[in-house]
């Protein structure tokens, strides 16, 4: 949405709706007002690439025993103080090294790894959907080659943009970072838009969720009960990964999640969900 009289554009990609002057970059560091349009400036700019077991995404119930080419760029629309990938998610184009991979080149690279049980491409590491156009275009190329697409995301883009990529995405791992609006506010996020994202994605694709348990933040049994009950209302077969926090970034001085607490929360979640997986232990 643009306002030519003021030379500004309102980015519609996520809940932030950044209002940008000509040439101004949004909060995510991945979009800029160019000629009255919100343009993806991290398109094809790959900062990280790895060949991972699918279970590392994490996906526990999707093509187990296979591998996937995993790629990331720079930028994110949240500001989690414990982010483990902050070197790229909190970076801009000038502060990271990247290499340009157009969609057909990345899809061809994935195809060349089929002999190593590669099933496709995972868009991950930073928040891939702040550059949803690259995910859409590359995923279409990957699908054309008969391979699969996986998105690892915070689930914080608006539904019209999610719907642009849904036809090409076989599986999502979505961070459900907690179940209170207060906690999401501390992370610079919006709980309701994530819940809408999960509901919509689960209708079309395989979905798994990850909740990182941060001491003093989202670690109460009551919150886990509410979270698990809500997930079950969508589909009790959705796998939930409950993972242990380790000190990172602005929370480098904190202590890791107590393992006994982690397992108590797992027990709560299992009252509602068929598959609950412990992570980072």
Protein backbone atom coordinates (compact mmCIF):
# COMPACT_ATOMS: atom_id res chain seq x y z
CA UNK A 1 0.00 0.00 0.00
CA UNK A 2 1.57 3.28 -1.10
CA UNK A 3 0.92 6.95 -0.45
CA UNK A 4 2.47 8.73 -3.41
CA UNK A 5 1.80 12.18 -1.98
CA UNK A 6 4.11 11.40 0.93
CA UNK A 7 6.43 9.02 -0.94
CA UNK A 8 5.78 6.25 1.55
CA UNK A 9 4.64 2.64 1.38
CA UNK A 10 3.14 0.43 4.07
CA UNK A 11 4.62 -3.06 3.89
CA UNK A 12 1.88 -5.69 4.11
CA UNK A 13 4.10 -8.77 4.48
CA UNK A 14 3.84 -9.06 8.26
CA UNK A 15 1.96 -7.76 11.27
CA UNK A 16 4.38 -4.85 11.72
CA UNK A 17 3.10 -3.00 8.63
CA UNK A 18 6.27 -0.91 8.49
CA UNK A 19 5.64 2.49 6.94
CA UNK A 20 8.65 3.17 4.75
CA UNK A 21 9.93 6.25 3.01
CA UNK A 22 11.57 5.85 -0.41
CA UNK A 23 14.78 3.87 0.12
CA UNK A 24 14.00 3.06 3.75
CA UNK A 25 14.52 -0.52 5.00
CA UNK A 26 11.96 -2.20 7.26
CA UNK A 27 12.40 -3.68 10.72
CA UNK A 28 13.19 -7.08 9.21
CA UNK A 29 16.20 -5.66 7.30
CA UNK A 30 15.07 -7.65 4.27
CA UNK A 31 12.58 -5.30 2.60
CA UNK A 32 12.90 -1.76 1.25
CA UNK A 33 10.67 0.85 -0.34
CA UNK A 34 11.77 1.01 -3.96
CA UNK A 35 9.60 3.18 -6.16
CA UNK A 36 6.57 2.89 -3.90
CA UNK A 37 6.72 -0.89 -3.47
CA UNK A 38 7.95 -3.08 -0.63
CA UNK A 39 10.76 -4.98 -2.37
CA UNK A 40 12.56 -8.07 -1.09
CA UNK A 41 16.27 -7.14 -0.92
CA UNK A 42 17.54 -10.51 0.34
CA UNK A 43 16.22 -12.35 -2.74
CA UNK A 44 18.60 -15.21 -3.54
CA UNK A 45 21.26 -13.94 -1.14
CA UNK A 46 22.24 -17.10 0.72
CA UNK A 47 24.25 -16.65 3.92
CA UNK A 48 24.04 -20.22 5.20
CA UNK A 49 23.83 -23.63 3.56
CA UNK A 50 24.01 -27.14 5.01
CA UNK A 51 22.98 -30.69 4.18
CA UNK A 52 20.98 -31.86 7.18
CA UNK A 53 19.03 -34.89 8.36
CA UNK A 54 15.35 -33.99 8.10
CA UNK A 55 15.03 -34.63 11.84
CA UNK A 56 17.28 -31.62 12.52
CA UNK A 57 14.74 -29.09 11.18
CA UNK A 58 13.14 -30.48 13.40
CA UNK A 59 10.63 -32.71 11.62
CA UNK A 60 9.90 -36.01 13.35
CA UNK A 61 7.05 -37.34 11.22
CA UNK A 62 7.99 -36.20 7.71
CA UNK A 63 10.14 -38.39 5.45
CA UNK A 64 12.18 -39.83 8.35
CA UNK A 65 15.69 -41.00 7.55
CA UNK A 66 16.15 -38.59 4.65
CA UNK A 67 18.26 -35.47 4.17
CA UNK A 68 17.48 -31.98 2.96
CA UNK A 69 19.47 -29.08 1.54
CA UNK A 70 18.98 -26.26 4.07
CA UNK A 71 19.49 -22.61 3.18
CA UNK A 72 19.04 -19.23 4.83
CA UNK A 73 19.52 -15.55 4.09
CA UNK A 74 19.46 -12.56 6.46
CA UNK A 75 16.70 -10.76 8.33
CA UNK A 76 13.82 -11.49 10.71
CA UNK A 77 10.69 -9.67 11.82
CA UNK A 78 10.99 -10.66 15.50
CA UNK A 79 13.60 -9.69 18.10
CA UNK A 80 14.01 -12.75 20.33
CA UNK A 81 16.65 -12.05 23.00
CA UNK A 82 17.70 -15.72 22.94
CA UNK A 83 18.03 -16.17 19.15
CA UNK A 84 20.67 -18.77 18.27
CA UNK A 85 21.03 -17.49 14.70
CA UNK A 86 21.24 -13.79 15.55
CA UNK A 87 24.39 -13.35 13.43
CA UNK A 88 22.19 -13.62 10.34
CA UNK A 89 18.64 -13.02 11.57
CA UNK A 90 19.61 -9.67 13.11
CA UNK A 91 21.96 -8.75 10.27
CA UNK A 92 21.54 -6.61 7.19
CA UNK A 93 22.93 -6.93 3.68
CA UNK A 94 26.16 -5.11 4.51
CA UNK A 95 27.06 -6.99 7.70
CA UNK A 96 27.02 -10.58 6.40
CA UNK A 97 28.66 -12.49 3.60
CA UNK A 98 26.30 -13.97 1.06
CA UNK A 99 26.34 -15.71 -2.30
CA UNK A 100 23.66 -15.28 -4.92
CA UNK A 101 21.64 -18.37 -5.88
CA UNK A 102 18.80 -17.75 -8.33
CA UNK A 103 15.89 -20.17 -7.88
CA UNK A 104 16.82 -22.47 -10.77
CA UNK A 105 20.41 -22.80 -9.57
CA UNK A 106 19.40 -23.72 -6.03
CA UNK A 107 16.82 -26.20 -7.29
CA UNK A 108 19.42 -27.78 -9.59
CA UNK A 109 21.85 -28.07 -6.69
CA UNK A 110 19.20 -29.83 -4.62
CA UNK A 111 18.46 -32.18 -7.50
CA UNK A 112 22.15 -33.05 -7.84
CA UNK A 113 22.12 -34.30 -4.23
CA UNK A 114 19.34 -36.84 -4.75
CA UNK A 115 21.89 -39.65 -4.77
CA UNK A 116 22.58 -38.77 -1.12
CA UNK A 117 18.90 -39.17 -0.17
CA UNK A 118 18.20 -35.46 -0.50
CA UNK A 119 14.46 -34.83 -0.76
CA UNK A 120 14.53 -31.12 -1.58
CA UNK A 121 15.12 -27.71 0.01
CA UNK A 122 14.47 -26.34 3.50
CA UNK A 123 14.17 -22.56 3.90
CA UNK A 124 15.46 -21.88 7.40
CA UNK A 125 18.12 -20.28 9.68
CA UNK A 126 16.90 -16.68 9.43
CA UNK A 127 13.17 -15.97 9.00
CA UNK A 128 12.70 -17.12 5.40
CA UNK A 129 9.27 -15.61 4.87
CA UNK A 130 10.33 -11.98 5.16
CA UNK A 131 11.61 -12.83 1.68
CA UNK A 132 8.59 -14.91 0.72
CA UNK A 133 9.04 -14.20 -3.01
CA UNK A 134 12.28 -16.15 -3.12
CA UNK A 135 10.69 -19.05 -1.24
CA UNK A 136 7.77 -19.07 -3.69
CA UNK A 137 9.93 -18.94 -6.81
CA UNK A 138 12.50 -21.47 -5.63
CA UNK A 139 9.88 -23.82 -4.23
CA UNK A 140 8.13 -23.83 -7.60
CA UNK A 141 11.41 -24.85 -9.29
CA UNK A 142 12.03 -27.54 -6.67
CA UNK A 143 8.50 -28.90 -7.06
CA UNK A 144 8.91 -28.95 -10.85
CA UNK A 145 11.85 -31.31 -10.32
CA UNK A 146 9.68 -33.65 -8.25
CA UNK A 147 11.27 -32.72 -4.93
CA UNK A 148 9.94 -31.37 -1.64
CA UNK A 149 9.97 -28.01 0.12
CA UNK A 150 10.16 -27.38 3.87
CA UNK A 151 9.80 -24.02 5.65
CA UNK A 152 11.08 -23.40 9.18
CA UNK A 153 9.40 -20.20 10.32
CA UNK A 154 8.15 -18.05 13.16
CA UNK A 155 4.75 -17.99 11.46
CA UNK A 156 4.51 -14.21 11.59
CA UNK A 157 3.59 -13.17 8.06
CA UNK A 158 0.10 -12.24 6.93
CA UNK A 159 -2.22 -14.84 5.43
CA UNK A 160 -2.34 -13.40 1.88
CA UNK A 161 1.42 -13.92 1.62
CA UNK A 162 1.29 -17.36 3.24
CA UNK A 163 -1.29 -18.33 0.63
CA UNK A 164 1.19 -17.38 -2.12
CA UNK A 165 3.61 -20.11 -1.02
CA UNK A 166 1.24 -22.78 0.33
CA UNK A 167 0.76 -24.61 -3.00
CA UNK A 168 4.48 -25.44 -3.04
CA UNK A 169 5.26 -26.25 0.61
CA UNK A 170 5.15 -29.86 1.75
CA UNK A 171 6.02 -29.33 5.42
CA UNK A 172 6.42 -26.58 7.99
CA UNK A 173 8.08 -26.42 11.35
CA UNK A 174 6.54 -23.39 13.02
CA UNK A 175 7.83 -21.81 16.21
CA UNK A 176 5.01 -21.43 18.70
CA UNK A 177 7.10 -19.47 21.16
CA UNK A 178 4.58 -19.51 23.99
CA UNK A 179 0.90 -18.96 24.59
CA UNK A 180 0.56 -15.51 26.11
CA UNK A 181 0.34 -12.18 24.35
CA UNK A 182 2.64 -10.72 26.99
CA UNK A 183 5.45 -13.13 26.11
CA UNK A 184 5.06 -12.53 22.39
CA UNK A 185 5.14 -8.78 23.01
CA UNK A 186 8.54 -9.18 24.70
CA UNK A 187 9.76 -10.95 21.57
CA UNK A 188 8.41 -8.23 19.30
CA UNK A 189 5.76 -10.58 17.95
CA UNK A 190 2.01 -11.16 17.77
CA UNK A 191 0.50 -14.41 19.08
CA UNK A 192 -2.76 -14.15 17.16
CA UNK A 193 -1.13 -13.92 13.73
CA UNK A 194 0.93 -17.04 14.53
CA UNK A 195 -2.18 -18.97 15.53
CA UNK A 196 -3.88 -17.97 12.27
CA UNK A 197 -0.77 -19.04 10.36
CA UNK A 198 -0.76 -22.47 12.05
CA UNK A 199 -4.47 -23.05 11.39
CA UNK A 200 -4.08 -22.15 7.72
CA UNK A 201 -0.89 -24.12 7.10
CA UNK A 202 -2.26 -27.23 8.81
CA UNK A 203 -5.10 -27.42 6.29
CA UNK A 204 -2.70 -27.82 3.35
CA UNK A 205 0.67 -29.11 4.55
CA UNK A 206 2.35 -31.30 7.13
CA UNK A 207 2.90 -29.13 10.22
CA UNK A 208 5.08 -29.61 13.28
CA UNK A 209 5.54 -27.04 16.06
CA UNK A 210 8.49 -26.11 18.26
CA UNK A 211 8.29 -24.42 21.66
CA UNK A 212 11.57 -23.41 23.27
CA UNK A 213 11.13 -23.34 27.05
CA UNK A 214 12.74 -20.18 28.41
CA UNK A 215 13.12 -20.04 32.23
CA UNK A 216 10.85 -17.38 33.66
CA UNK A 217 9.33 -16.64 30.28
CA UNK A 218 7.02 -19.41 29.06
CA UNK A 219 7.76 -22.27 31.46
CA UNK A 220 4.57 -22.64 33.49
CA UNK A 221 2.57 -25.89 33.34
CA UNK A 222 -0.64 -23.87 33.01
CA UNK A 223 0.65 -22.14 29.89
CA UNK A 224 1.76 -25.45 28.39
CA UNK A 225 -1.68 -26.88 29.11
CA UNK A 226 -3.38 -24.02 27.29
CA UNK A 227 -0.94 -24.25 24.39
CA UNK A 228 -1.35 -28.00 23.99
CA UNK A 229 -5.11 -27.82 24.29
CA UNK A 230 -5.22 -25.23 21.52
CA UNK A 231 -2.94 -27.27 19.23
CA UNK A 232 -5.19 -30.30 19.82
CA UNK A 233 -8.18 -28.20 18.77
CA UNK A 234 -6.48 -27.76 15.39
CA UNK A 235 -5.27 -31.38 15.13
CA UNK A 236 -4.07 -33.53 18.01
CA UNK A 237 -1.79 -35.37 15.57
CA UNK A 238 0.39 -32.26 15.08
CA UNK A 239 3.81 -33.11 16.59
CA UNK A 240 5.06 -30.68 19.24
CA UNK A 241 8.79 -30.32 19.90
CA UNK A 242 9.46 -29.02 23.41
CA UNK A 243 13.07 -27.90 23.51
CA UNK A 244 15.57 -26.87 26.12
CA UNK A 245 16.85 -23.29 26.22
CA UNK A 246 20.57 -22.58 26.34
CA UNK A 247 21.94 -19.06 26.99
CA UNK A 248 22.29 -17.02 23.79
CA UNK A 249 22.52 -13.43 22.58
CA UNK A 250 20.97 -10.99 25.12
CA UNK A 251 20.28 -13.88 27.51
CA UNK A 252 23.85 -15.19 27.50
CA UNK A 253 24.00 -14.81 31.28
CA UNK A 254 20.91 -16.92 31.94
CA UNK A 255 20.78 -20.58 32.97
CA UNK A 256 19.59 -23.47 30.77
CA UNK A 257 16.12 -24.89 31.22
CA UNK A 258 15.92 -27.34 34.12
CA UNK A 259 15.59 -30.81 32.58
CA UNK A 260 13.12 -32.03 35.18
CA UNK A 261 10.85 -29.06 34.40
CA UNK A 262 11.15 -29.80 30.69
CA UNK A 263 9.89 -33.33 31.21
CA UNK A 264 7.03 -32.11 33.41
CA UNK A 265 5.91 -29.87 30.58
CA UNK A 266 6.22 -32.76 28.13
CA UNK A 267 3.93 -34.81 30.37
CA UNK A 268 1.36 -32.01 30.33
CA UNK A 269 1.47 -31.76 26.54
CA UNK A 270 1.05 -35.52 26.16
CA UNK A 271 -2.35 -35.26 27.84
CA UNK A 272 -3.58 -33.54 24.67
CA UNK A 273 -1.27 -34.45 21.79
CA UNK A 274 -0.29 -37.76 20.22
CA UNK A 275 3.35 -36.86 19.51
CA UNK A 276 5.51 -34.78 21.86
CA UNK A 277 9.28 -34.75 21.35
CA UNK A 278 11.95 -33.47 23.73
CA UNK A 279 14.73 -31.46 22.10
CA UNK A 280 18.16 -30.06 23.03
CA UNK A 281 18.78 -32.55 25.84
